[in-house]
């Protein structure tokens, strides 16, 4: 499979506005990660634009888990925006720190709950695809392909990453790196070439972000 078939051919059947929406969402997503690396509060307004657009895009392409996580991102971006504003002397930059034991426990609970919730949503996917009608619909998980199951997993990973980022914890980047790597083949499979390239760039930026935040991370107090 060559570059054209992998990245460009799927767009032949797309409407122009769909391509523009995906490009805009990817661009603002990259800007958001850049501001996050810089510990700059603009991570949130740029992120809101990106995630709001991806809610529509991912719903259209049947990635319900990622659609839900982008809706969650939009809500959490507002929450994180408020937290960062309160924790910043200049209302732009913030201090960061390592996660404590209790935060890891909460993150583990979030991860498991997310797996359960998104799996439940996919169970009802035939009902959703049928315009919320049970007529001639069989519920279950047999209709899922490997990309859908990866979607369940990445949703849980990104949920934890977003929560850690809102709490200004250095470890948020670890979850972004893992999730971004998984999303690259998933987006190619779904015909979202622009978004797959975005996730590739995200991976590199997340590695840089982890190194940058680690250098400025405050020493954590002993866990109990």
N, C-alpha and C. Protein backbone atom coordinates (compact mmCIF):
# COMPACT_ATOMS: atom_id res chain seq x y z
N UNK A 1 0.85 -1.20 0.00
CA UNK A 1 0.00 0.00 0.00
C UNK A 1 0.88 1.25 0.00
N UNK A 2 0.68 2.13 -0.98
CA UNK A 2 1.52 3.32 -1.08
C UNK A 2 0.93 4.49 -0.30
N UNK A 3 1.66 5.60 -0.33
CA UNK A 3 1.26 6.79 0.45
C UNK A 3 -0.11 7.29 0.02
N UNK A 4 -0.35 7.30 -1.29
CA UNK A 4 -1.64 7.80 -1.80
C UNK A 4 -2.81 6.99 -1.25
N UNK A 5 -2.69 5.67 -1.34
CA UNK A 5 -3.78 4.80 -0.89
C UNK A 5 -3.98 4.89 0.62
N UNK A 6 -2.88 5.10 1.33
CA UNK A 6 -2.94 5.11 2.79
C UNK A 6 -3.50 6.41 3.34
N UNK A 7 -3.08 7.54 2.79
CA UNK A 7 -3.44 8.84 3.38
C UNK A 7 -4.39 9.69 2.53
N UNK A 8 -4.26 9.63 1.21
CA UNK A 8 -5.01 10.57 0.37
C UNK A 8 -6.28 9.98 -0.25
N UNK A 9 -6.24 8.72 -0.65
CA UNK A 9 -7.38 8.12 -1.33
C UNK A 9 -8.69 8.21 -0.54
N UNK A 10 -8.67 7.97 0.80
CA UNK A 10 -9.93 8.06 1.55
C UNK A 10 -10.62 9.41 1.43
N UNK A 11 -9.83 10.48 1.21
CA UNK A 11 -10.41 11.82 1.16
C UNK A 11 -11.13 12.10 -0.16
N UNK A 12 -10.97 11.23 -1.14
CA UNK A 12 -11.63 11.42 -2.43
C UNK A 12 -13.15 11.41 -2.29
N UNK A 13 -13.64 10.69 -1.28
CA UNK A 13 -15.09 10.59 -1.08
C UNK A 13 -15.62 11.57 -0.04
N UNK A 14 -14.73 12.40 0.52
CA UNK A 14 -15.15 13.34 1.56
C UNK A 14 -15.64 14.65 0.96
N UNK A 15 -16.53 15.30 1.67
CA UNK A 15 -16.93 16.66 1.32
C UNK A 15 -15.80 17.62 1.70
N UNK A 16 -15.69 18.73 0.98
CA UNK A 16 -14.63 19.71 1.26
C UNK A 16 -14.68 20.20 2.70
N UNK A 17 -15.89 20.43 3.21
CA UNK A 17 -16.01 20.95 4.57
C UNK A 17 -15.51 19.94 5.59
N UNK A 18 -15.64 18.63 5.29
CA UNK A 18 -15.17 17.60 6.21
C UNK A 18 -13.64 17.62 6.30
N UNK A 19 -12.98 17.82 5.18
CA UNK A 19 -11.52 17.90 5.16
C UNK A 19 -11.04 19.14 5.91
N UNK A 20 -11.73 20.27 5.69
CA UNK A 20 -11.38 21.51 6.38
C UNK A 20 -11.57 21.36 7.89
N UNK A 21 -12.66 20.72 8.29
CA UNK A 21 -12.92 20.51 9.72
C UNK A 21 -11.83 19.66 10.36
N UNK A 22 -11.44 18.57 9.69
CA UNK A 22 -10.40 17.71 10.24
C UNK A 22 -9.06 18.43 10.32
N UNK A 23 -8.72 19.18 9.27
CA UNK A 23 -7.46 19.93 9.27
C UNK A 23 -7.46 20.97 10.40
N UNK A 24 -8.56 21.68 10.57
CA UNK A 24 -8.66 22.70 11.62
C UNK A 24 -8.56 22.07 13.00
N UNK A 25 -9.25 20.95 13.19
CA UNK A 25 -9.21 20.26 14.48
C UNK A 25 -7.79 19.79 14.79
N UNK A 26 -7.10 19.25 13.78
CA UNK A 26 -5.72 18.78 13.97
C UNK A 26 -4.78 19.94 14.28
N UNK A 27 -4.95 21.06 13.57
CA UNK A 27 -4.09 22.22 13.78
C UNK A 27 -4.23 22.76 15.20
N UNK A 28 -5.46 22.93 15.66
CA UNK A 28 -5.67 23.44 17.01
C UNK A 28 -5.24 22.42 18.06
N UNK A 29 -5.32 21.13 17.71
CA UNK A 29 -4.84 20.11 18.63
C UNK A 29 -3.34 20.21 18.82
N UNK A 30 -2.60 20.45 17.74
CA UNK A 30 -1.15 20.62 17.81
C UNK A 30 -0.79 21.87 18.61
N UNK A 31 -1.54 22.95 18.39
CA UNK A 31 -1.30 24.18 19.15
C UNK A 31 -1.52 23.94 20.64
N UNK A 32 -2.55 23.16 20.96
CA UNK A 32 -2.86 22.88 22.36
C UNK A 32 -1.72 22.12 23.03
N UNK A 33 -1.17 21.12 22.34
CA UNK A 33 -0.05 20.36 22.91
C UNK A 33 1.18 21.25 23.07
N UNK A 34 1.43 22.12 22.10
CA UNK A 34 2.56 23.06 22.20
C UNK A 34 2.43 23.92 23.44
N UNK A 35 1.24 24.49 23.67
CA UNK A 35 1.03 25.34 24.84
C UNK A 35 1.13 24.53 26.13
N UNK A 36 0.74 23.25 26.07
CA UNK A 36 0.85 22.39 27.25
C UNK A 36 2.30 22.16 27.62
N UNK A 37 3.14 21.92 26.61
CA UNK A 37 4.58 21.75 26.85
C UNK A 37 5.16 22.99 27.52
N UNK A 38 4.68 24.16 27.09
CA UNK A 38 5.17 25.42 27.64
C UNK A 38 4.52 25.77 28.98
N UNK A 39 3.63 24.87 29.46
CA UNK A 39 2.88 25.10 30.70
C UNK A 39 2.10 26.41 30.62
N UNK A 40 1.56 26.66 29.44
CA UNK A 40 0.84 27.90 29.14
C UNK A 40 -0.66 27.63 29.13
N UNK A 41 -1.42 28.47 29.79
CA UNK A 41 -2.86 28.25 29.96
C UNK A 41 -3.63 28.25 28.64
N UNK A 42 -3.01 28.72 27.56
CA UNK A 42 -3.67 28.69 26.25
C UNK A 42 -3.86 27.27 25.74
N UNK A 43 -3.29 26.30 26.46
CA UNK A 43 -3.55 24.90 26.13
C UNK A 43 -5.04 24.61 26.10
N UNK A 44 -5.80 25.29 26.96
CA UNK A 44 -7.22 24.98 27.09
C UNK A 44 -8.12 25.61 26.03
N UNK A 45 -8.03 26.92 25.77
CA UNK A 45 -8.90 27.46 24.71
C UNK A 45 -8.63 26.85 23.34
N UNK A 46 -7.35 26.61 23.02
CA UNK A 46 -7.05 25.98 21.73
C UNK A 46 -7.53 24.53 21.73
N UNK A 47 -7.40 23.87 22.88
CA UNK A 47 -7.86 22.49 22.99
C UNK A 47 -9.36 22.36 22.84
N UNK A 48 -10.10 23.33 23.36
CA UNK A 48 -11.56 23.30 23.27
C UNK A 48 -12.02 23.33 21.81
N UNK A 49 -11.36 24.17 21.00
CA UNK A 49 -11.71 24.24 19.57
C UNK A 49 -11.49 22.88 18.92
N UNK A 50 -10.32 22.27 19.19
CA UNK A 50 -9.98 20.99 18.58
C UNK A 50 -10.94 19.88 19.01
N UNK A 51 -11.16 19.75 20.31
CA UNK A 51 -11.97 18.64 20.81
C UNK A 51 -13.44 18.78 20.41
N UNK A 52 -13.93 20.00 20.37
CA UNK A 52 -15.33 20.20 19.97
C UNK A 52 -15.54 19.77 18.52
N UNK A 53 -14.57 20.07 17.66
CA UNK A 53 -14.66 19.65 16.26
C UNK A 53 -14.56 18.14 16.13
N UNK A 54 -13.68 17.53 16.95
CA UNK A 54 -13.50 16.08 16.87
C UNK A 54 -14.70 15.31 17.40
N UNK A 55 -15.50 15.91 18.27
CA UNK A 55 -16.74 15.25 18.71
C UNK A 55 -17.60 14.92 17.49
N UNK A 56 -17.74 15.89 16.61
CA UNK A 56 -18.53 15.69 15.39
C UNK A 56 -17.84 14.70 14.44
N UNK A 57 -16.54 14.90 14.21
CA UNK A 57 -15.81 14.07 13.25
C UNK A 57 -15.82 12.60 13.66
N UNK A 58 -15.54 12.32 14.93
CA UNK A 58 -15.43 10.95 15.40
C UNK A 58 -16.78 10.26 15.48
N UNK A 59 -17.82 11.02 15.78
CA UNK A 59 -19.17 10.44 15.76
C UNK A 59 -19.52 10.00 14.34
N UNK A 60 -19.17 10.84 13.39
CA UNK A 60 -19.46 10.55 11.98
C UNK A 60 -18.75 9.29 11.50
N UNK A 61 -17.53 9.04 12.05
CA UNK A 61 -16.75 7.88 11.63
C UNK A 61 -16.90 6.68 12.56
N UNK A 62 -17.83 6.77 13.50
CA UNK A 62 -18.18 5.62 14.33
C UNK A 62 -17.24 5.29 15.46
N UNK A 63 -16.32 6.20 15.80
CA UNK A 63 -15.42 5.98 16.93
C UNK A 63 -16.05 6.61 18.17
N UNK A 64 -17.01 5.90 18.75
CA UNK A 64 -17.81 6.47 19.83
C UNK A 64 -17.00 6.73 21.09
N UNK A 65 -16.03 5.85 21.36
CA UNK A 65 -15.20 6.05 22.55
C UNK A 65 -14.40 7.33 22.45
N UNK A 66 -13.72 7.51 21.32
CA UNK A 66 -12.94 8.73 21.12
C UNK A 66 -13.83 9.96 21.04
N UNK A 67 -15.05 9.78 20.52
CA UNK A 67 -15.99 10.89 20.51
C UNK A 67 -16.32 11.31 21.94
N UNK A 68 -16.58 10.31 22.80
CA UNK A 68 -16.90 10.59 24.20
C UNK A 68 -15.74 11.27 24.91
N UNK A 69 -14.52 10.78 24.63
CA UNK A 69 -13.36 11.35 25.32
C UNK A 69 -13.12 12.78 24.86
N UNK A 70 -13.43 13.09 23.61
CA UNK A 70 -13.28 14.47 23.16
C UNK A 70 -14.35 15.38 23.76
N UNK A 71 -15.54 14.84 23.98
CA UNK A 71 -16.56 15.60 24.70
C UNK A 71 -16.09 15.84 26.13
N UNK A 72 -15.51 14.78 26.73
CA UNK A 72 -14.96 14.90 28.08
C UNK A 72 -13.82 15.92 28.09
N UNK A 73 -12.95 15.89 27.07
CA UNK A 73 -11.87 16.87 26.97
C UNK A 73 -12.41 18.29 27.01
N UNK A 74 -13.50 18.51 26.26
CA UNK A 74 -14.07 19.85 26.19
C UNK A 74 -14.52 20.32 27.56
N UNK A 75 -15.18 19.42 28.30
CA UNK A 75 -15.63 19.76 29.65
C UNK A 75 -14.44 19.93 30.59
N UNK A 76 -13.48 18.98 30.50
CA UNK A 76 -12.31 19.04 31.38
C UNK A 76 -11.42 20.24 31.05
N UNK A 77 -11.44 20.69 29.82
CA UNK A 77 -10.65 21.87 29.45
C UNK A 77 -11.15 23.10 30.18
N UNK A 78 -12.46 23.18 30.35
CA UNK A 78 -13.03 24.30 31.12
C UNK A 78 -12.60 24.17 32.58
N UNK A 79 -12.69 22.94 33.11
CA UNK A 79 -12.27 22.67 34.50
C UNK A 79 -10.79 22.97 34.68
N UNK A 80 -9.96 22.46 33.74
CA UNK A 80 -8.52 22.68 33.82
C UNK A 80 -8.16 24.14 33.68
N UNK A 81 -8.87 24.85 32.82
CA UNK A 81 -8.66 26.28 32.60
C UNK A 81 -8.83 27.04 33.92
N UNK A 82 -9.89 26.70 34.64
CA UNK A 82 -10.16 27.34 35.94
C UNK A 82 -9.07 26.99 36.95
N UNK A 83 -8.70 25.69 37.02
CA UNK A 83 -7.67 25.26 37.97
C UNK A 83 -6.33 25.93 37.68
N UNK A 84 -5.94 25.95 36.42
CA UNK A 84 -4.66 26.56 36.05
C UNK A 84 -4.66 28.06 36.34
N UNK A 85 -5.78 28.71 36.08
CA UNK A 85 -5.86 30.16 36.32
C UNK A 85 -5.69 30.46 37.81
N UNK A 86 -6.25 29.60 38.66
CA UNK A 86 -6.14 29.79 40.10
C UNK A 86 -4.74 29.48 40.62
N UNK A 87 -4.01 28.63 39.88
CA UNK A 87 -2.70 28.17 40.34
C UNK A 87 -1.55 28.90 39.67
N UNK A 88 -1.84 29.97 38.96
CA UNK A 88 -0.81 30.70 38.22
C UNK A 88 -0.69 32.13 38.71
N UNK A 89 0.53 32.55 38.98
CA UNK A 89 0.75 33.91 39.44
C UNK A 89 0.51 34.93 38.33
N UNK A 90 0.87 34.55 37.09
CA UNK A 90 0.66 35.50 35.98
C UNK A 90 -0.55 35.14 35.13
N UNK A 91 -1.33 34.13 35.61
CA UNK A 91 -2.54 33.67 34.91
C UNK A 91 -2.23 33.07 33.54
N UNK A 92 -0.98 32.72 33.31
CA UNK A 92 -0.60 32.11 32.04
C UNK A 92 0.18 30.82 32.27
N UNK A 93 1.23 30.87 33.12
CA UNK A 93 2.09 29.72 33.35
C UNK A 93 1.82 29.10 34.73
N UNK A 94 2.06 27.78 34.84
CA UNK A 94 1.79 27.08 36.09
C UNK A 94 2.99 26.24 36.51
N UNK A 95 3.00 25.85 37.80
CA UNK A 95 4.00 24.93 38.31
C UNK A 95 3.45 23.51 38.19
N UNK A 96 4.35 22.53 38.06
CA UNK A 96 3.94 21.14 37.91
C UNK A 96 4.60 20.29 38.98
N UNK A 97 4.07 19.08 39.21
CA UNK A 97 4.60 18.19 40.24
C UNK A 97 4.30 16.74 39.90
N UNK A 98 5.03 15.79 40.53
CA UNK A 98 4.75 14.36 40.29
C UNK A 98 3.44 13.95 40.96
N UNK A 99 2.83 12.89 40.47
CA UNK A 99 1.60 12.38 41.07
C UNK A 99 1.92 11.61 42.35
N UNK A 100 1.01 11.71 43.31
CA UNK A 100 1.16 10.99 44.58
C UNK A 100 0.38 9.68 44.52
N UNK A 101 0.58 8.85 45.55
CA UNK A 101 -0.04 7.53 45.58
C UNK A 101 -1.56 7.61 45.46
N UNK A 102 -2.18 8.53 46.20
CA UNK A 102 -3.65 8.63 46.18
C UNK A 102 -4.15 9.04 44.80
N UNK A 103 -3.34 9.82 44.08
CA UNK A 103 -3.74 10.24 42.74
C UNK A 103 -3.63 9.08 41.74
N UNK A 104 -2.64 8.22 41.95
CA UNK A 104 -2.52 7.03 41.11
C UNK A 104 -3.69 6.08 41.35
N UNK A 105 -4.12 5.97 42.60
CA UNK A 105 -5.27 5.11 42.92
C UNK A 105 -6.53 5.63 42.23
N UNK A 106 -6.73 6.95 42.32
CA UNK A 106 -7.90 7.55 41.67
C UNK A 106 -7.82 7.37 40.16
N UNK A 107 -6.61 7.50 39.60
CA UNK A 107 -6.42 7.33 38.16
C UNK A 107 -6.77 5.90 37.73
N UNK A 108 -6.39 4.92 38.56
CA UNK A 108 -6.70 3.52 38.25
C UNK A 108 -8.21 3.28 38.24
N UNK A 109 -8.91 3.90 39.18
CA UNK A 109 -10.37 3.79 39.24
C UNK A 109 -11.00 4.41 37.99
N UNK A 110 -10.50 5.60 37.60
CA UNK A 110 -10.98 6.26 36.39
C UNK A 110 -10.79 5.37 35.16
N UNK A 111 -9.64 4.72 35.10
CA UNK A 111 -9.31 3.87 33.96
C UNK A 111 -10.31 2.72 33.83
N UNK A 112 -10.55 2.03 34.93
CA UNK A 112 -11.47 0.88 34.91
C UNK A 112 -12.90 1.31 34.60
N UNK A 113 -13.35 2.39 35.23
CA UNK A 113 -14.70 2.89 34.99
C UNK A 113 -14.88 3.29 33.53
N UNK A 114 -13.84 3.87 32.94
CA UNK A 114 -13.91 4.27 31.54
C UNK A 114 -14.05 3.05 30.63
N UNK A 115 -13.27 2.00 30.90
CA UNK A 115 -13.37 0.78 30.11
C UNK A 115 -14.79 0.22 30.14
N UNK A 116 -15.38 0.21 31.33
CA UNK A 116 -16.74 -0.32 31.49
C UNK A 116 -17.75 0.55 30.74
N UNK A 117 -17.64 1.87 30.92
CA UNK A 117 -18.59 2.80 30.32
C UNK A 117 -18.56 2.75 28.79
N UNK A 118 -17.36 2.82 28.22
CA UNK A 118 -17.25 2.86 26.76
C UNK A 118 -17.67 1.51 26.14
N UNK A 119 -17.34 0.41 26.82
CA UNK A 119 -17.80 -0.90 26.35
C UNK A 119 -19.32 -0.96 26.33
N UNK A 120 -19.94 -0.39 27.37
CA UNK A 120 -21.40 -0.34 27.43
C UNK A 120 -21.98 0.48 26.29
N UNK A 121 -21.31 1.59 25.96
CA UNK A 121 -21.78 2.43 24.85
C UNK A 121 -21.71 1.65 23.53
N UNK A 122 -20.61 0.92 23.32
CA UNK A 122 -20.48 0.13 22.10
C UNK A 122 -21.51 -1.00 22.05
N UNK A 123 -21.91 -1.50 23.21
CA UNK A 123 -22.95 -2.53 23.27
C UNK A 123 -24.24 -2.01 22.64
N UNK A 124 -24.49 -0.72 22.87
CA UNK A 124 -25.71 -0.09 22.33
C UNK A 124 -25.47 0.61 20.98
N UNK A 125 -24.29 0.42 20.39
CA UNK A 125 -23.98 1.09 19.12
C UNK A 125 -24.98 0.78 18.00
N UNK A 126 -25.44 -0.48 17.85
CA UNK A 126 -26.44 -0.74 16.81
C UNK A 126 -27.70 0.11 16.99
N UNK A 127 -28.09 0.32 18.23
CA UNK A 127 -29.25 1.16 18.56
C UNK A 127 -28.98 2.61 18.18
N UNK A 128 -27.76 3.09 18.46
CA UNK A 128 -27.38 4.47 18.12
C UNK A 128 -27.31 4.65 16.61
N UNK A 129 -26.68 3.68 15.92
CA UNK A 129 -26.55 3.76 14.46
C UNK A 129 -27.91 3.71 13.76
N UNK A 130 -28.89 3.09 14.41
CA UNK A 130 -30.23 2.96 13.84
C UNK A 130 -31.12 4.14 14.23
N UNK A 131 -30.46 5.28 14.49
CA UNK A 131 -31.15 6.52 14.85
C UNK A 131 -32.00 6.34 16.11
N UNK A 132 -31.39 5.62 17.08
CA UNK A 132 -32.00 5.42 18.40
C UNK A 132 -33.35 4.70 18.30
N UNK A 133 -33.40 3.74 17.41
CA UNK A 133 -34.59 2.89 17.26
C UNK A 133 -34.19 1.43 17.45
N UNK A 134 -35.01 0.66 18.16
CA UNK A 134 -34.72 -0.75 18.39
C UNK A 134 -35.28 -1.64 17.28
N UNK A 135 -35.87 -1.04 16.25
CA UNK A 135 -36.46 -1.80 15.16
C UNK A 135 -35.38 -2.58 14.40
N UNK A 136 -35.51 -3.90 14.38
CA UNK A 136 -34.57 -4.79 13.68
C UNK A 136 -33.13 -4.62 14.17
N UNK A 137 -32.97 -4.34 15.43
CA UNK A 137 -31.64 -4.13 16.01
C UNK A 137 -31.32 -5.24 17.02
N UNK A 138 -30.10 -5.75 16.93
CA UNK A 138 -29.61 -6.73 17.90
C UNK A 138 -28.44 -6.12 18.66
N UNK A 139 -28.61 -5.99 19.96
CA UNK A 139 -27.55 -5.40 20.78
C UNK A 139 -26.45 -6.42 21.04
N UNK A 140 -25.25 -5.93 21.30
CA UNK A 140 -24.14 -6.83 21.61
C UNK A 140 -22.81 -6.21 21.22
N UNK A 141 -21.76 -7.03 21.32
CA UNK A 141 -20.41 -6.57 21.01
C UNK A 141 -19.80 -7.30 19.81
N UNK A 142 -20.58 -8.18 19.20
CA UNK A 142 -20.06 -8.96 18.08
C UNK A 142 -19.71 -8.11 16.87
N UNK A 143 -20.32 -6.93 16.78
CA UNK A 143 -20.11 -6.06 15.62
C UNK A 143 -18.81 -5.27 15.69
N UNK A 144 -18.11 -5.34 16.82
CA UNK A 144 -16.91 -4.52 16.99
C UNK A 144 -15.72 -5.11 16.24
N UNK A 145 -14.90 -4.22 15.65
CA UNK A 145 -13.65 -4.66 15.04
C UNK A 145 -12.49 -4.23 15.94
N UNK A 146 -11.28 -4.51 15.51
CA UNK A 146 -10.12 -4.24 16.36
C UNK A 146 -9.96 -2.76 16.65
N UNK A 147 -10.35 -1.90 15.69
CA UNK A 147 -10.24 -0.46 15.90
C UNK A 147 -11.19 0.01 16.99
N UNK A 148 -12.37 -0.61 17.07
CA UNK A 148 -13.32 -0.25 18.12
C UNK A 148 -12.79 -0.62 19.50
N UNK A 149 -12.17 -1.80 19.60
CA UNK A 149 -11.61 -2.22 20.89
C UNK A 149 -10.42 -1.34 21.28
N UNK A 150 -9.62 -0.94 20.30
CA UNK A 150 -8.53 0.01 20.59
C UNK A 150 -9.11 1.34 21.03
N UNK A 151 -10.25 1.70 20.47
CA UNK A 151 -10.92 2.94 20.84
C UNK A 151 -11.33 2.90 22.31
N UNK A 152 -11.83 1.75 22.75
CA UNK A 152 -12.19 1.57 24.17
C UNK A 152 -10.96 1.79 25.05
N UNK A 153 -9.84 1.17 24.65
CA UNK A 153 -8.61 1.27 25.43
C UNK A 153 -8.05 2.68 25.45
N UNK A 154 -7.97 3.32 24.28
CA UNK A 154 -7.38 4.67 24.24
C UNK A 154 -8.25 5.69 24.96
N UNK A 155 -9.56 5.46 24.97
CA UNK A 155 -10.44 6.36 25.70
C UNK A 155 -10.09 6.37 27.18
N UNK A 156 -9.86 5.18 27.74
CA UNK A 156 -9.49 5.08 29.15
C UNK A 156 -8.12 5.71 29.41
N UNK A 157 -7.18 5.47 28.49
CA UNK A 157 -5.83 6.03 28.64
C UNK A 157 -5.87 7.55 28.61
N UNK A 158 -6.57 8.10 27.64
CA UNK A 158 -6.64 9.56 27.51
C UNK A 158 -7.44 10.21 28.64
N UNK A 159 -8.42 9.49 29.17
CA UNK A 159 -9.19 10.01 30.30
C UNK A 159 -8.27 10.28 31.48
N UNK A 160 -7.42 9.31 31.77
CA UNK A 160 -6.47 9.46 32.88
C UNK A 160 -5.45 10.55 32.57
N UNK A 161 -4.96 10.58 31.32
CA UNK A 161 -3.99 11.61 30.94
C UNK A 161 -4.55 13.01 31.08
N UNK A 162 -5.79 13.19 30.68
CA UNK A 162 -6.41 14.52 30.78
C UNK A 162 -6.60 14.93 32.23
N UNK A 163 -6.98 13.98 33.07
CA UNK A 163 -7.17 14.29 34.49
C UNK A 163 -5.83 14.67 35.14
N UNK A 164 -4.78 13.91 34.83
CA UNK A 164 -3.45 14.23 35.36
C UNK A 164 -2.99 15.61 34.87
N UNK A 165 -3.30 15.95 33.62
CA UNK A 165 -2.89 17.25 33.10
C UNK A 165 -3.61 18.38 33.82
N UNK A 166 -4.92 18.20 34.06
CA UNK A 166 -5.68 19.22 34.78
C UNK A 166 -5.13 19.43 36.18
N UNK A 167 -4.60 18.34 36.77
CA UNK A 167 -4.00 18.42 38.11
C UNK A 167 -2.53 18.83 38.06
N UNK A 168 -2.03 19.08 36.85
CA UNK A 168 -0.66 19.54 36.62
C UNK A 168 0.37 18.51 37.08
N UNK A 169 0.12 17.23 36.77
CA UNK A 169 1.02 16.15 37.14
C UNK A 169 1.87 15.73 35.94
N UNK A 170 3.17 15.61 36.18
CA UNK A 170 4.12 15.30 35.10
C UNK A 170 3.76 14.02 34.36
N UNK A 171 3.20 13.04 35.07
CA UNK A 171 2.93 11.73 34.48
C UNK A 171 1.85 11.76 33.40
N UNK A 172 1.16 12.88 33.26
CA UNK A 172 0.13 12.94 32.22
C UNK A 172 0.71 12.63 30.84
N UNK A 173 1.97 13.01 30.64
CA UNK A 173 2.60 12.81 29.33
C UNK A 173 2.80 11.33 29.00
N UNK A 174 3.00 10.49 30.01
CA UNK A 174 3.17 9.06 29.77
C UNK A 174 1.91 8.48 29.11
N UNK A 175 0.76 8.90 29.61
CA UNK A 175 -0.50 8.41 29.06
C UNK A 175 -0.74 8.94 27.65
N UNK A 176 -0.35 10.20 27.41
CA UNK A 176 -0.50 10.75 26.06
C UNK A 176 0.38 10.00 25.07
N UNK A 177 1.61 9.67 25.47
CA UNK A 177 2.53 8.96 24.58
C UNK A 177 1.96 7.60 24.18
N UNK A 178 1.50 6.83 25.19
CA UNK A 178 0.95 5.50 24.92
C UNK A 178 -0.30 5.59 24.04
N UNK A 179 -1.22 6.48 24.42
CA UNK A 179 -2.46 6.62 23.66
C UNK A 179 -2.23 7.10 22.24
N UNK A 180 -1.32 8.06 22.07
CA UNK A 180 -1.04 8.59 20.73
C UNK A 180 -0.49 7.52 19.80
N UNK A 181 0.42 6.69 20.32
CA UNK A 181 1.01 5.62 19.52
C UNK A 181 -0.05 4.63 19.05
N UNK A 182 -0.99 4.32 19.93
CA UNK A 182 -2.06 3.38 19.58
C UNK A 182 -2.99 3.99 18.53
N UNK A 183 -3.22 5.30 18.62
CA UNK A 183 -4.17 5.96 17.73
C UNK A 183 -3.68 6.09 16.29
N UNK A 184 -2.37 6.06 16.07
CA UNK A 184 -1.84 6.24 14.71
C UNK A 184 -2.41 5.21 13.74
N UNK A 185 -2.26 3.89 14.02
CA UNK A 185 -2.82 2.91 13.07
C UNK A 185 -4.35 2.91 13.06
N UNK A 186 -4.96 3.23 14.19
CA UNK A 186 -6.42 3.24 14.27
C UNK A 186 -7.02 4.30 13.34
N UNK A 187 -6.41 5.49 13.32
CA UNK A 187 -6.91 6.56 12.47
C UNK A 187 -6.65 6.30 10.99
N UNK A 188 -5.52 5.65 10.68
CA UNK A 188 -5.23 5.27 9.29
C UNK A 188 -6.30 4.28 8.82
N UNK A 189 -6.62 3.32 9.66
CA UNK A 189 -7.62 2.30 9.34
C UNK A 189 -8.99 2.93 9.08
N UNK A 190 -9.31 3.99 9.83
CA UNK A 190 -10.60 4.66 9.69
C UNK A 190 -10.61 5.69 8.55
N UNK A 191 -9.47 5.85 7.87
CA UNK A 191 -9.41 6.77 6.75
C UNK A 191 -9.20 8.22 7.14
N UNK A 192 -8.71 8.44 8.36
CA UNK A 192 -8.45 9.80 8.84
C UNK A 192 -6.95 10.05 8.82
N UNK A 193 -6.40 10.21 7.60
CA UNK A 193 -4.95 10.36 7.44
C UNK A 193 -4.38 11.58 8.12
N UNK A 194 -5.07 12.72 8.01
CA UNK A 194 -4.59 13.94 8.65
C UNK A 194 -4.49 13.75 10.16
N UNK A 195 -5.50 13.10 10.73
CA UNK A 195 -5.51 12.87 12.17
C UNK A 195 -4.42 11.89 12.59
N UNK A 196 -4.12 10.89 11.74
CA UNK A 196 -3.06 9.94 12.08
C UNK A 196 -1.70 10.64 12.12
N UNK A 197 -1.47 11.57 11.19
CA UNK A 197 -0.23 12.35 11.20
C UNK A 197 -0.19 13.23 12.45
N UNK A 198 -1.35 13.79 12.81
CA UNK A 198 -1.42 14.60 14.03
C UNK A 198 -0.98 13.78 15.24
N UNK A 199 -1.45 12.53 15.34
CA UNK A 199 -1.08 11.69 16.48
C UNK A 199 0.40 11.33 16.46
N UNK A 200 0.98 11.20 15.27
CA UNK A 200 2.42 10.95 15.17
C UNK A 200 3.19 12.14 15.73
N UNK A 201 2.78 13.34 15.33
CA UNK A 201 3.42 14.56 15.85
C UNK A 201 3.16 14.69 17.35
N UNK A 202 1.93 14.34 17.78
CA UNK A 202 1.59 14.37 19.20
C UNK A 202 2.57 13.52 20.01
N UNK A 203 2.91 12.34 19.47
CA UNK A 203 3.80 11.42 20.19
C UNK A 203 5.15 12.07 20.44
N UNK A 204 5.71 12.69 19.40
CA UNK A 204 7.00 13.37 19.53
C UNK A 204 6.89 14.52 20.53
N UNK A 205 5.82 15.31 20.41
CA UNK A 205 5.63 16.45 21.30
C UNK A 205 5.41 16.00 22.74
N UNK A 206 4.74 14.85 22.92
CA UNK A 206 4.50 14.34 24.27
C UNK A 206 5.80 13.91 24.93
N UNK A 207 6.71 13.33 24.16
CA UNK A 207 8.03 12.96 24.70
C UNK A 207 8.77 14.22 25.14
N UNK A 208 8.73 15.25 24.30
CA UNK A 208 9.35 16.54 24.64
C UNK A 208 8.69 17.13 25.87
N UNK A 209 7.35 17.05 25.92
CA UNK A 209 6.61 17.58 27.05
C UNK A 209 6.98 16.89 28.35
N UNK A 210 7.13 15.57 28.30
CA UNK A 210 7.50 14.83 29.51
C UNK A 210 8.88 15.25 30.01
N UNK A 211 9.82 15.39 29.10
CA UNK A 211 11.17 15.80 29.50
C UNK A 211 11.16 17.23 30.05
N UNK A 212 10.38 18.10 29.41
CA UNK A 212 10.31 19.50 29.83
C UNK A 212 9.67 19.63 31.21
N UNK A 213 8.55 18.95 31.41
CA UNK A 213 7.86 19.02 32.70
C UNK A 213 8.68 18.37 33.80
N UNK A 214 9.40 17.29 33.47
CA UNK A 214 10.21 16.60 34.47
C UNK A 214 11.30 17.51 35.01
N UNK A 215 11.85 18.35 34.15
CA UNK A 215 12.91 19.27 34.59
C UNK A 215 12.39 20.31 35.57
N UNK A 216 11.11 20.68 35.43
CA UNK A 216 10.55 21.74 36.26
C UNK A 216 9.63 21.22 37.35
N UNK A 217 9.55 19.90 37.45
CA UNK A 217 8.62 19.31 38.41
C UNK A 217 9.08 19.53 39.84
N UNK A 218 8.15 19.91 40.69
CA UNK A 218 8.45 20.08 42.11
C UNK A 218 8.62 18.70 42.75
N UNK A 219 9.41 18.63 43.79
CA UNK A 219 9.55 17.38 44.53
C UNK A 219 8.23 17.07 45.23
N UNK A 220 7.78 15.84 45.07
CA UNK A 220 6.51 15.45 45.69
C UNK A 220 6.72 15.17 47.17
N UNK A 221 5.71 15.43 47.95
CA UNK A 221 5.76 15.10 49.37
C UNK A 221 5.59 13.60 49.52
N UNK A 222 6.11 12.98 50.59
CA UNK A 222 6.02 11.53 50.75
C UNK A 222 4.58 11.05 50.72
N UNK A 223 4.34 9.91 50.05
CA UNK A 223 2.99 9.35 49.98
C UNK A 223 2.68 8.60 51.26
N UNK A 224 1.41 8.53 51.62
CA UNK A 224 0.99 7.83 52.83
C UNK A 224 0.06 6.68 52.46
